[in-house]
Amino acid sequence: MPTLYLHGSSGGVVSSILYYLFDRNIIDAALVAFYDDELNLYGDFITSKEDVVKHSGSYYQTCKQMLNIKKIHDYRSVAVVGLPCHIEAIKNYAKKFNLKNIVLTISLFCTIGRMRAGFKDFLKEHFNIDLDNIKVSEYLSRYGKERLSKIIIKTQESQVEYTFLDYLGYIDYFYTPVGCFNCRKMFGLNADISVGDDWGVKTTKKIALITANTERGLSLLNEIKILELRRISEDKTLLHLLKSQPDGTAIKICRPIETNVVLFIAKYVGLALKKLGVHRKLPIKIRSLALRYIRRRSLILQTKYFTKHV
């Protein structure tokens, strides 16, 4: 659907799945990400297909996805969307309380986390916006027809726009939760379906890589006609997954033993130089060198990985 495509980050795949589930009355609620008027992110439940588009897109900062999880007991049939760590938490919660109403779990690919502090610093430095003192009326992430579309924030007084890459260039690996450096969950294969951008394909279109990890997930994807799907042969699936996320492959899947040390140095040296007033280009250069080193070292491990798994 055009509206879901425009609002979605990866072609509106997750939104399309939720829309279909609501439309067919398969679910009466879905756990997704919300934001308040200061752009704090938290998880809560939507209850209709009309709500789906309002919660499309990616927010690129820390989200308290489990904040309202107790509400899940109030619904007949629920779909859950989250990062791999969120899906793991949901499954543990469901097991503890013997929940039987979760009909589908959808995991988003995740290479690294991004703290709210980076989001606030970015808006303050680039647009002189203080999130603690303004009210946000609307937030649109990667809105548009092309893959690297704009991020748009509307307040009562103004509207600011910036590119997805400008934002990631500013915050990535400088504002990372410590726990994310130790996390190895990337594709969320413990969910029924996993979805993420396929950066291994050079295109301006919004496309996604989708994996059905359970029979339930596969059956649902075969039913949904509003999605345009192209199957990847099973013998190439692993290779395609790893190529789709070049940084994630190096950091989480085929990671050198010294990865944490290198990332910590890039993070804290970069933040220290920023506080000292050093031009932003130097911290970014340090980060680029760190990531390049990790990628090169991981190539050796990738060869061993494929020899073992393919």
C-alpha atoms as a PDB file:
ATOM      1  CA  MET A   1       0.000   0.000   0.000  1.00  0.00           C
ATOM      2  CA  PRO A   2       1.420   3.428  -0.967  1.00  0.00           C
ATOM      3  CA  THR A   3       0.765   5.026   2.439  1.00  0.00           C
ATOM      4  CA  LEU A   4       2.505   2.231   4.324  1.00  0.00           C
ATOM      5  CA  TYR A   5       5.434   2.378   1.902  1.00  0.00           C
ATOM      6  CA  LEU A   6       5.872   6.147   2.360  1.00  0.00           C
ATOM      7  CA  HIS A   7       5.839   5.961   6.148  1.00  0.00           C
ATOM      8  CA  GLY A   8       7.788   2.736   6.548  1.00  0.00           C
ATOM      9  CA  SER A   9      11.569   2.470   6.836  1.00  0.00           C
ATOM     10  CA  SER A  10      12.014  -0.831   5.020  1.00  0.00           C
ATOM     11  CA  GLY A  11       9.254  -0.552   2.471  1.00  0.00           C
ATOM     12  CA  GLY A  12       6.521  -0.798   5.088  1.00  0.00           C
ATOM     13  CA  VAL A  13       6.890  -4.560   5.520  1.00  0.00           C
ATOM     14  CA  VAL A  14       6.117  -4.692   9.244  1.00  0.00           C
ATOM     15  CA  SER A  15       3.270  -2.209   8.851  1.00  0.00           C
ATOM     16  CA  SER A  16       1.811  -4.292   6.013  1.00  0.00           C
ATOM     17  CA  ILE A  17       1.880  -7.433   8.142  1.00  0.00           C
ATOM     18  CA  LEU A  18       0.127  -5.702  11.044  1.00  0.00           C
ATOM     19  CA  TYR A  19      -2.420  -4.106   8.713  1.00  0.00           C
ATOM     20  CA  TYR A  20      -3.239  -7.523   7.264  1.00  0.00           C
ATOM     21  CA  LEU A  21      -3.605  -9.109  10.706  1.00  0.00           C
ATOM     22  CA  PHE A  22      -6.005  -6.393  11.867  1.00  0.00           C
ATOM     23  CA  ASP A  23      -7.924  -6.418   8.588  1.00  0.00           C
ATOM     24  CA  ARG A  24      -8.523 -10.187   8.846  1.00  0.00           C
ATOM     25  CA  ASN A  25      -9.387  -9.928  12.562  1.00  0.00           C
ATOM     26  CA  ILE A  26      -6.499 -12.266  13.374  1.00  0.00           C
ATOM     27  CA  ILE A  27      -5.361  -9.873  16.122  1.00  0.00           C
ATOM     28  CA  ASP A  28      -7.095  -7.264  18.238  1.00  0.00           C
ATOM     29  CA  ALA A  29      -3.867  -5.581  19.433  1.00  0.00           C
ATOM     30  CA  ALA A  30      -0.200  -5.132  18.548  1.00  0.00           C
ATOM     31  CA  LEU A  31       2.720  -4.036  20.697  1.00  0.00           C
ATOM     32  CA  VAL A  32       4.624  -1.300  18.831  1.00  0.00           C
ATOM     33  CA  ALA A  33       6.715   1.800  19.566  1.00  0.00           C
ATOM     34  CA  PHE A  34       5.066   5.046  20.670  1.00  0.00           C
ATOM     35  CA  TYR A  35       6.520   8.506  21.354  1.00  0.00           C
ATOM     36  CA  ASP A  36       5.360  11.331  23.632  1.00  0.00           C
ATOM     37  CA  ASP A  37       5.601  15.082  22.971  1.00  0.00           C
ATOM     38  CA  GLU A  38       9.236  15.119  24.151  1.00  0.00           C
ATOM     39  CA  LEU A  39      10.067  12.171  21.864  1.00  0.00           C
ATOM     40  CA  ASN A  40      10.587   9.683  24.662  1.00  0.00           C
ATOM     41  CA  LEU A  41      10.023   6.212  23.199  1.00  0.00           C
ATOM     42  CA  TYR A  42       8.043   3.449  24.849  1.00  0.00           C
ATOM     43  CA  GLY A  43       6.059   0.359  23.935  1.00  0.00           C
ATOM     44  CA  ASP A  44       2.264   0.286  23.955  1.00  0.00           C
ATOM     45  CA  PHE A  45      -0.622  -1.362  22.135  1.00  0.00           C
ATOM     46  CA  ILE A  46      -2.513  -0.296  19.026  1.00  0.00           C
ATOM     47  CA  THR A  47      -5.926  -1.827  18.403  1.00  0.00           C
ATOM     48  CA  SER A  48      -6.886  -1.137  14.780  1.00  0.00           C
ATOM     49  CA  LYS A  49      -5.478  -1.081  11.256  1.00  0.00           C
ATOM     50  CA  GLU A  50      -6.002   2.698  11.182  1.00  0.00           C
ATOM     51  CA  ASP A  51      -3.411   2.995  13.972  1.00  0.00           C
ATOM     52  CA  VAL A  52      -0.724   1.133  12.033  1.00  0.00           C
ATOM     53  CA  VAL A  53       0.488   3.972   9.814  1.00  0.00           C
ATOM     54  CA  LYS A  54       0.829   6.313  12.818  1.00  0.00           C
ATOM     55  CA  HIS A  55       3.495   4.013  14.228  1.00  0.00           C
ATOM     56  CA  SER A  56       5.439   3.236  11.051  1.00  0.00           C
ATOM     57  CA  GLY A  57       9.081   4.107  10.632  1.00  0.00           C
ATOM     58  CA  SER A  58      12.187   3.678  12.791  1.00  0.00           C
ATOM     59  CA  TYR A  59      13.001   6.036  15.649  1.00  0.00           C
ATOM     60  CA  TYR A  60      16.727   5.322  16.145  1.00  0.00           C
ATOM     61  CA  GLN A  61      16.964   5.859  19.874  1.00  0.00           C
ATOM     62  CA  THR A  62      16.403   3.819  23.040  1.00  0.00           C
ATOM     63  CA  CYS A  63      12.847   2.521  23.458  1.00  0.00           C
ATOM     64  CA  LYS A  64      11.280   1.183  26.681  1.00  0.00           C
ATOM     65  CA  GLN A  65       9.344  -1.458  24.794  1.00  0.00           C
ATOM     66  CA  MET A  66       8.219  -3.357  27.893  1.00  0.00           C
ATOM     67  CA  LEU A  67       6.836  -0.326  29.723  1.00  0.00           C
ATOM     68  CA  ASN A  68       3.147  -1.246  29.266  1.00  0.00           C
ATOM     69  CA  ILE A  69       3.514  -5.006  28.833  1.00  0.00           C
ATOM     70  CA  LYS A  70       0.944  -5.776  31.564  1.00  0.00           C
ATOM     71  CA  LYS A  71      -1.794  -4.599  29.190  1.00  0.00           C
ATOM     72  CA  ILE A  72      -1.179  -7.686  27.062  1.00  0.00           C
ATOM     73  CA  HIS A  73      -3.422  -9.669  29.410  1.00  0.00           C
ATOM     74  CA  ASP A  74      -6.412  -7.561  28.287  1.00  0.00           C
ATOM     75  CA  TYR A  75      -6.413  -8.721  24.660  1.00  0.00           C
ATOM     76  CA  ARG A  76      -7.621 -11.814  22.854  1.00  0.00           C
ATOM     77  CA  SER A  77      -4.873 -12.073  20.237  1.00  0.00           C
ATOM     78  CA  VAL A  78      -1.681 -10.022  20.006  1.00  0.00           C
ATOM     79  CA  ALA A  79       1.217  -9.397  17.603  1.00  0.00           C
ATOM     80  CA  VAL A  80       4.498  -8.166  19.064  1.00  0.00           C
ATOM     81  CA  VAL A  81       7.121  -6.018  17.309  1.00  0.00           C
ATOM     82  CA  GLY A  82      10.533  -5.254  18.774  1.00  0.00           C
ATOM     83  CA  LEU A  83      14.296  -5.602  18.618  1.00  0.00           C
ATOM     84  CA  PRO A  84      15.870  -9.014  19.300  1.00  0.00           C
ATOM     85  CA  CYS A  85      16.329  -8.144  22.989  1.00  0.00           C
ATOM     86  CA  HIS A  86      12.682  -7.066  23.237  1.00  0.00           C
ATOM     87  CA  ILE A  87      11.481 -10.312  21.665  1.00  0.00           C
ATOM     88  CA  GLU A  88      13.586 -12.303  24.119  1.00  0.00           C
ATOM     89  CA  ALA A  89      12.065 -10.361  27.027  1.00  0.00           C
ATOM     90  CA  ILE A  90       8.529 -10.864  25.680  1.00  0.00           C
ATOM     91  CA  LYS A  91       9.048 -14.603  25.350  1.00  0.00           C
ATOM     92  CA  ASN A  92      10.325 -14.842  28.920  1.00  0.00           C
ATOM     93  CA  TYR A  93       7.356 -12.807  30.130  1.00  0.00           C
ATOM     94  CA  ALA A  94       4.928 -15.017  28.196  1.00  0.00           C
ATOM     95  CA  LYS A  95       6.518 -18.142  29.653  1.00  0.00           C
ATOM     96  CA  LYS A  96       6.383 -16.804  33.216  1.00  0.00           C
ATOM     97  CA  PHE A  97       2.682 -15.904  33.000  1.00  0.00           C
ATOM     98  CA  ASN A  98       1.708 -18.754  30.663  1.00  0.00           C
ATOM     99  CA  LEU A  99       0.382 -16.380  27.986  1.00  0.00           C
ATOM    100  CA  LYS A 100      -1.407 -17.997  25.050  1.00  0.00           C
ATOM    101  CA  ASN A 101      -2.574 -14.876  23.199  1.00  0.00           C
ATOM    102  CA  ILE A 102       0.635 -13.956  21.316  1.00  0.00           C
ATOM    103  CA  VAL A 103      -0.029 -15.116  17.758  1.00  0.00           C
ATOM    104  CA  LEU A 104       3.007 -13.545  16.065  1.00  0.00           C
ATOM    105  CA  THR A 105       6.366 -12.031  17.000  1.00  0.00           C
ATOM    106  CA  ILE A 106       8.278  -9.781  14.586  1.00  0.00           C
ATOM    107  CA  SER A 107      11.903  -8.867  15.239  1.00  0.00           C
ATOM    108  CA  LEU A 108      13.734  -5.946  13.638  1.00  0.00           C
ATOM    109  CA  PHE A 109      17.385  -6.364  12.651  1.00  0.00           C
ATOM    110  CA  CYS A 110      19.682  -4.592  15.107  1.00  0.00           C
ATOM    111  CA  THR A 111      23.374  -3.850  14.714  1.00  0.00           C
ATOM    112  CA  ILE A 112      23.817  -1.400  17.582  1.00  0.00           C
ATOM    113  CA  GLY A 113      21.730   0.619  20.028  1.00  0.00           C
ATOM    114  CA  ARG A 114      21.480   4.405  20.086  1.00  0.00           C
ATOM    115  CA  MET A 115      20.936   6.332  23.299  1.00  0.00           C
ATOM    116  CA  ARG A 116      18.518   9.223  23.679  1.00  0.00           C
ATOM    117  CA  ALA A 117      21.431  11.473  24.684  1.00  0.00           C
ATOM    118  CA  GLY A 118      22.745  11.372  21.112  1.00  0.00           C
ATOM    119  CA  PHE A 119      19.340  12.308  19.716  1.00  0.00           C
ATOM    120  CA  LYS A 120      19.125  15.291  22.077  1.00  0.00           C
ATOM    121  CA  ASP A 121      22.663  16.446  21.305  1.00  0.00           C
ATOM    122  CA  PHE A 122      22.043  16.190  17.557  1.00  0.00           C
ATOM    123  CA  LEU A 123      18.900  18.345  17.674  1.00  0.00           C
ATOM    124  CA  LYS A 124      20.529  20.861  20.006  1.00  0.00           C
ATOM    125  CA  GLU A 125      23.701  21.264  17.930  1.00  0.00           C
ATOM    126  CA  HIS A 126      22.074  21.311  14.488  1.00  0.00           C
ATOM    127  CA  PHE A 127      18.749  23.055  15.123  1.00  0.00           C
ATOM    128  CA  ASN A 128      19.034  24.584  18.608  1.00  0.00           C
ATOM    129  CA  ILE A 129      16.104  22.429  19.728  1.00  0.00           C
ATOM    130  CA  ASP A 130      15.938  21.420  23.375  1.00  0.00           C
ATOM    131  CA  LEU A 131      13.649  18.398  23.700  1.00  0.00           C
ATOM    132  CA  ASP A 132      13.084  19.168  27.375  1.00  0.00           C
ATOM    133  CA  ASN A 133      11.518  22.519  26.569  1.00  0.00           C
ATOM    134  CA  ILE A 134       9.502  21.983  23.386  1.00  0.00           C
ATOM    135  CA  LYS A 135       6.480  19.926  22.442  1.00  0.00           C
ATOM    136  CA  VAL A 136       6.617  17.645  19.412  1.00  0.00           C
ATOM    137  CA  SER A 137       3.394  17.148  17.469  1.00  0.00           C
ATOM    138  CA  GLU A 138       4.642  14.694  14.847  1.00  0.00           C
ATOM    139  CA  TYR A 139       7.738  12.625  14.098  1.00  0.00           C
ATOM    140  CA  LEU A 140       8.250  11.027  10.677  1.00  0.00           C
ATOM    141  CA  SER A 141      11.263   8.789  10.150  1.00  0.00           C
ATOM    142  CA  ARG A 142      12.675   8.080   6.687  1.00  0.00           C
ATOM    143  CA  TYR A 143       9.452   9.406   5.221  1.00  0.00           C
ATOM    144  CA  GLY A 144       9.248   9.334   1.427  1.00  0.00           C
ATOM    145  CA  LYS A 145       9.646   7.148  -1.630  1.00  0.00           C
ATOM    146  CA  GLU A 146      13.409   6.629  -1.462  1.00  0.00           C
ATOM    147  CA  ARG A 147      15.415   4.456   0.918  1.00  0.00           C
ATOM    148  CA  LEU A 148      17.411   7.291   2.478  1.00  0.00           C
ATOM    149  CA  SER A 149      14.453   9.594   2.964  1.00  0.00           C
ATOM    150  CA  LYS A 150      14.094  12.488   5.382  1.00  0.00           C
ATOM    151  CA  ILE A 151      13.443  12.518   9.103  1.00  0.00           C
ATOM    152  CA  ILE A 152      10.881  15.200   9.926  1.00  0.00           C
ATOM    153  CA  ILE A 153      10.063  16.633  13.348  1.00  0.00           C
ATOM    154  CA  LYS A 154       7.112  18.985  13.719  1.00  0.00           C
ATOM    155  CA  THR A 155       6.638  21.188  16.766  1.00  0.00           C
ATOM    156  CA  GLN A 156       4.056  23.838  17.585  1.00  0.00           C
ATOM    157  CA  GLU A 157       6.438  26.550  16.389  1.00  0.00           C
ATOM    158  CA  SER A 158       8.401  25.008  13.516  1.00  0.00           C
ATOM    159  CA  GLN A 159       9.397  21.996  11.462  1.00  0.00           C
ATOM    160  CA  VAL A 160      12.902  20.582  11.007  1.00  0.00           C
ATOM    161  CA  GLU A 161      14.116  18.099   8.419  1.00  0.00           C
ATOM    162  CA  TYR A 162      17.371  16.200   8.124  1.00  0.00           C
ATOM    163  CA  THR A 163      18.678  13.152   6.330  1.00  0.00           C
ATOM    164  CA  PHE A 164      18.939   9.703   7.823  1.00  0.00           C
ATOM    165  CA  LEU A 165      22.687   9.536   7.059  1.00  0.00           C
ATOM    166  CA  ASP A 166      23.398  12.942   8.631  1.00  0.00           C
ATOM    167  CA  TYR A 167      21.832  11.706  11.848  1.00  0.00           C
ATOM    168  CA  LEU A 168      23.604   8.328  11.905  1.00  0.00           C
ATOM    169  CA  GLY A 169      26.903   9.990  11.008  1.00  0.00           C
ATOM    170  CA  TYR A 170      26.580  12.138  14.117  1.00  0.00           C
ATOM    171  CA  ILE A 171      25.490   9.587  16.726  1.00  0.00           C
ATOM    172  CA  ASP A 172      26.471   6.055  15.689  1.00  0.00           C
ATOM    173  CA  TYR A 173      28.970   4.305  18.011  1.00  0.00           C
ATOM    174  CA  PHE A 174      29.397   7.482  20.108  1.00  0.00           C
ATOM    175  CA  TYR A 175      26.080   7.035  21.938  1.00  0.00           C
ATOM    176  CA  THR A 176      25.860   3.270  22.356  1.00  0.00           C
ATOM    177  CA  PRO A 177      24.540   1.530  25.502  1.00  0.00           C
ATOM    178  CA  VAL A 178      27.311  -0.574  27.035  1.00  0.00           C
ATOM    179  CA  GLY A 179      25.145  -3.688  26.910  1.00  0.00           C
ATOM    180  CA  CYS A 180      24.905  -3.433  23.124  1.00  0.00           C
ATOM    181  CA  PHE A 181      28.666  -3.998  22.793  1.00  0.00           C
ATOM    182  CA  ASN A 182      28.174  -7.414  24.401  1.00  0.00           C
ATOM    183  CA  CYS A 183      24.971  -8.412  22.588  1.00  0.00           C
ATOM    184  CA  ARG A 184      25.243 -11.022  19.844  1.00  0.00           C
ATOM    185  CA  LYS A 185      21.566 -11.035  18.830  1.00  0.00           C
ATOM    186  CA  MET A 186      21.277  -9.313  15.476  1.00  0.00           C
ATOM    187  CA  PHE A 187      18.623 -10.824  13.224  1.00  0.00           C
ATOM    188  CA  GLY A 188      16.137 -11.787  15.929  1.00  0.00           C
ATOM    189  CA  LEU A 189      15.786 -15.353  14.715  1.00  0.00           C
ATOM    190  CA  ASN A 190      13.924 -16.224  17.914  1.00  0.00           C
ATOM    191  CA  ALA A 191      10.891 -14.382  16.495  1.00  0.00           C
ATOM    192  CA  ASP A 192       8.405 -15.808  13.989  1.00  0.00           C
ATOM    193  CA  ILE A 193       9.506 -13.247  11.389  1.00  0.00           C
ATOM    194  CA  SER A 194      12.592 -11.045  11.175  1.00  0.00           C
ATOM    195  CA  VAL A 195      12.758  -7.870   9.076  1.00  0.00           C
ATOM    196  CA  GLY A 196      15.467  -5.357   8.257  1.00  0.00           C
ATOM    197  CA  ASP A 197      16.969  -3.216   5.523  1.00  0.00           C
ATOM    198  CA  ASP A 198      18.995  -5.065   2.919  1.00  0.00           C
ATOM    199  CA  TRP A 199      22.016  -2.768   2.626  1.00  0.00           C
ATOM    200  CA  GLY A 200      23.760  -5.380   0.484  1.00  0.00           C
ATOM    201  CA  VAL A 201      21.610  -4.367  -2.490  1.00  0.00           C
ATOM    202  CA  LYS A 202      22.418  -1.053  -4.156  1.00  0.00           C
ATOM    203  CA  THR A 203      19.107   0.645  -4.817  1.00  0.00           C
ATOM    204  CA  THR A 204      17.213   3.839  -4.061  1.00  0.00           C
ATOM    205  CA  LYS A 205      14.026   1.875  -3.372  1.00  0.00           C
ATOM    206  CA  LYS A 206      12.885   0.935   0.094  1.00  0.00           C
ATOM    207  CA  ILE A 207      13.452  -2.810   0.270  1.00  0.00           C
ATOM    208  CA  ALA A 208      13.701  -5.257   3.125  1.00  0.00           C
ATOM    209  CA  LEU A 209      15.141  -8.656   3.821  1.00  0.00           C
ATOM    210  CA  ILE A 210      12.582 -10.911   5.521  1.00  0.00           C
ATOM    211  CA  THR A 211      13.168 -14.276   7.141  1.00  0.00           C
ATOM    212  CA  ALA A 212      10.424 -16.637   8.245  1.00  0.00           C
ATOM    213  CA  ASN A 213      11.879 -18.371  11.290  1.00  0.00           C
ATOM    214  CA  THR A 214       8.884 -20.560  12.154  1.00  0.00           C
ATOM    215  CA  GLU A 215       6.141 -22.379  10.265  1.00  0.00           C
ATOM    216  CA  ARG A 216       3.706 -19.791  11.595  1.00  0.00           C
ATOM    217  CA  GLY A 217       5.796 -16.973  10.131  1.00  0.00           C
ATOM    218  CA  LEU A 218       6.198 -18.701   6.769  1.00  0.00           C
ATOM    219  CA  SER A 219       2.489 -19.476   6.496  1.00  0.00           C
ATOM    220  CA  LEU A 220       1.570 -15.857   7.174  1.00  0.00           C
ATOM    221  CA  LEU A 221       4.008 -14.435   4.619  1.00  0.00           C
ATOM    222  CA  ASN A 222       2.569 -16.766   1.991  1.00  0.00           C
ATOM    223  CA  GLU A 223      -0.925 -15.431   2.742  1.00  0.00           C
ATOM    224  CA  ILE A 224      -0.255 -11.689   2.531  1.00  0.00           C
ATOM    225  CA  LYS A 225      -0.840 -10.424  -0.986  1.00  0.00           C
ATOM    226  CA  ILE A 226      -0.112  -6.732  -0.348  1.00  0.00           C
ATOM    227  CA  LEU A 227       3.586  -7.590  -0.019  1.00  0.00           C
ATOM    228  CA  GLU A 228       5.759  -8.100  -3.085  1.00  0.00           C
ATOM    229  CA  LEU A 229       8.085 -10.927  -2.068  1.00  0.00           C
ATOM    230  CA  ARG A 230      10.986 -12.568  -3.895  1.00  0.00           C
ATOM    231  CA  ARG A 231      12.271 -15.823  -2.442  1.00  0.00           C
ATOM    232  CA  ILE A 232      15.995 -16.368  -1.903  1.00  0.00           C
ATOM    233  CA  SER A 233      17.255 -19.926  -2.328  1.00  0.00           C
ATOM    234  CA  GLU A 234      17.976 -21.649   0.977  1.00  0.00           C
ATOM    235  CA  ASP A 235      21.663 -22.235   0.225  1.00  0.00           C
ATOM    236  CA  LYS A 236      22.192 -18.477  -0.244  1.00  0.00           C
ATOM    237  CA  THR A 237      20.084 -17.228   2.663  1.00  0.00           C
ATOM    238  CA  LEU A 238      22.904 -17.103   5.228  1.00  0.00           C
ATOM    239  CA  LEU A 239      25.253 -15.330   2.819  1.00  0.00           C
ATOM    240  CA  HIS A 240      22.549 -12.807   1.915  1.00  0.00           C
ATOM    241  CA  LEU A 241      21.801 -12.116   5.575  1.00  0.00           C
ATOM    242  CA  LEU A 242      25.441 -11.413   6.406  1.00  0.00           C
ATOM    243  CA  LYS A 243      25.963  -9.224   3.344  1.00  0.00           C
ATOM    244  CA  SER A 244      22.812  -7.246   4.141  1.00  0.00           C
ATOM    245  CA  GLN A 245      24.353  -5.818   7.324  1.00  0.00           C
ATOM    246  CA  PRO A 246      28.101  -5.290   6.777  1.00  0.00           C
ATOM    247  CA  ASP A 247      28.752  -3.559  10.108  1.00  0.00           C
ATOM    248  CA  GLY A 248      26.534  -5.943  12.032  1.00  0.00           C
ATOM    249  CA  THR A 249      28.236  -8.988  10.538  1.00  0.00           C
ATOM    250  CA  ALA A 250      31.613  -7.737  11.752  1.00  0.00           C
ATOM    251  CA  ILE A 251      30.427  -6.582  15.170  1.00  0.00           C
ATOM    252  CA  LYS A 252      27.951  -9.286  16.160  1.00  0.00           C
ATOM    253  CA  ILE A 253      28.320 -12.406  14.025  1.00  0.00           C
ATOM    254  CA  CYS A 254      31.946 -12.721  12.947  1.00  0.00           C
ATOM    255  CA  ARG A 255      33.404 -10.445  15.590  1.00  0.00           C
ATOM    256  CA  PRO A 256      37.111 -10.355  16.445  1.00  0.00           C
ATOM    257  CA  ILE A 257      37.896 -10.911  20.124  1.00  0.00           C
ATOM    258  CA  GLU A 258      39.109  -7.314  20.487  1.00  0.00           C
ATOM    259  CA  THR A 259      35.868  -5.777  19.129  1.00  0.00           C
ATOM    260  CA  ASN A 260      34.691  -4.406  22.493  1.00  0.00           C
ATOM    261  CA  VAL A 261      38.016  -2.729  23.200  1.00  0.00           C
ATOM    262  CA  VAL A 262      38.080  -1.051  19.783  1.00  0.00           C
ATOM    263  CA  LEU A 263      34.459   0.145  20.048  1.00  0.00           C
ATOM    264  CA  PHE A 264      34.972   1.468  23.575  1.00  0.00           C
ATOM    265  CA  ILE A 265      38.008   3.452  22.460  1.00  0.00           C
ATOM    266  CA  ALA A 266      36.088   4.916  19.495  1.00  0.00           C
ATOM    267  CA  LYS A 267      33.139   5.807  21.717  1.00  0.00           C
ATOM    268  CA  TYR A 268      34.862   7.432  24.666  1.00  0.00           C
ATOM    269  CA  VAL A 269      37.704   9.120  22.780  1.00  0.00           C
ATOM    270  CA  GLY A 270      35.130  10.508  20.356  1.00  0.00           C
ATOM    271  CA  LEU A 271      32.917  11.859  23.148  1.00  0.00           C
ATOM    272  CA  ALA A 272      35.914  13.310  24.988  1.00  0.00           C
ATOM    273  CA  LEU A 273      37.156  15.132  21.885  1.00  0.00           C
ATOM    274  CA  LYS A 274      33.674  16.525  21.308  1.00  0.00           C
ATOM    275  CA  LYS A 275      33.503  17.911  24.858  1.00  0.00           C
ATOM    276  CA  LEU A 276      36.904  19.525  24.353  1.00  0.00           C
ATOM    277  CA  GLY A 277      35.516  21.361  21.332  1.00  0.00           C
ATOM    278  CA  VAL A 278      37.495  19.422  18.742  1.00  0.00           C
ATOM    279  CA  HIS A 279      35.973  19.621  15.253  1.00  0.00           C
ATOM    280  CA  ARG A 280      33.461  16.831  14.704  1.00  0.00           C
ATOM    281  CA  LYS A 281      35.413  15.430  11.729  1.00  0.00           C
ATOM    282  CA  LEU A 282      38.184  14.060  13.973  1.00  0.00           C
ATOM    283  CA  PRO A 283      35.934  11.877  16.192  1.00  0.00           C
ATOM    284  CA  ILE A 284      34.148  10.628  13.067  1.00  0.00           C
ATOM    285  CA  LYS A 285      37.526   9.748  11.523  1.00  0.00           C
ATOM    286  CA  ILE A 286      38.465   7.768  14.636  1.00  0.00           C
ATOM    287  CA  ARG A 287      35.171   5.892  14.480  1.00  0.00           C
ATOM    288  CA  SER A 288      35.640   5.110  10.779  1.00  0.00           C
ATOM    289  CA  LEU A 289      39.117   3.718  11.378  1.00  0.00           C
ATOM    290  CA  ALA A 290      37.821   1.576  14.245  1.00  0.00           C
ATOM    291  CA  LEU A 291      34.989   0.119  12.140  1.00  0.00           C
ATOM    292  CA  ARG A 292      37.326  -0.472   9.195  1.00  0.00           C
ATOM    293  CA  TYR A 293      39.723  -2.378  11.452  1.00  0.00           C
ATOM    294  CA  ILE A 294      36.897  -4.555  12.833  1.00  0.00           C
ATOM    295  CA  ARG A 295      35.566  -5.304   9.335  1.00  0.00           C
ATOM    296  CA  ARG A 296      38.999  -6.343   8.055  1.00  0.00           C
ATOM    297  CA  ARG A 297      39.643  -8.589  11.035  1.00  0.00           C
ATOM    298  CA  SER A 298      36.178 -10.123  10.726  1.00  0.00           C
ATOM    299  CA  LEU A 299      36.774 -11.156   7.106  1.00  0.00           C
ATOM    300  CA  ILE A 300      39.122 -13.880   8.350  1.00  0.00           C
ATOM    301  CA  LEU A 301      36.479 -15.102  10.770  1.00  0.00           C
ATOM    302  CA  GLN A 302      33.798 -14.969   8.067  1.00  0.00           C
ATOM    303  CA  THR A 303      35.750 -17.458   5.986  1.00  0.00           C
ATOM    304  CA  LYS A 304      35.883 -19.840   8.947  1.00  0.00           C
ATOM    305  CA  TYR A 305      32.193 -19.190   9.674  1.00  0.00           C
ATOM    306  CA  PHE A 306      31.065 -20.119   6.160  1.00  0.00           C
ATOM    307  CA  THR A 307      33.310 -23.172   6.126  1.00  0.00           C
ATOM    308  CA  LYS A 308      31.558 -24.374   9.280  1.00  0.00           C
ATOM    309  CA  HIS A 309      27.943 -23.356   8.493  1.00  0.00           C
ATOM    310  CA  VAL A 310      27.504 -23.573   4.710  1.00  0.00           C
END
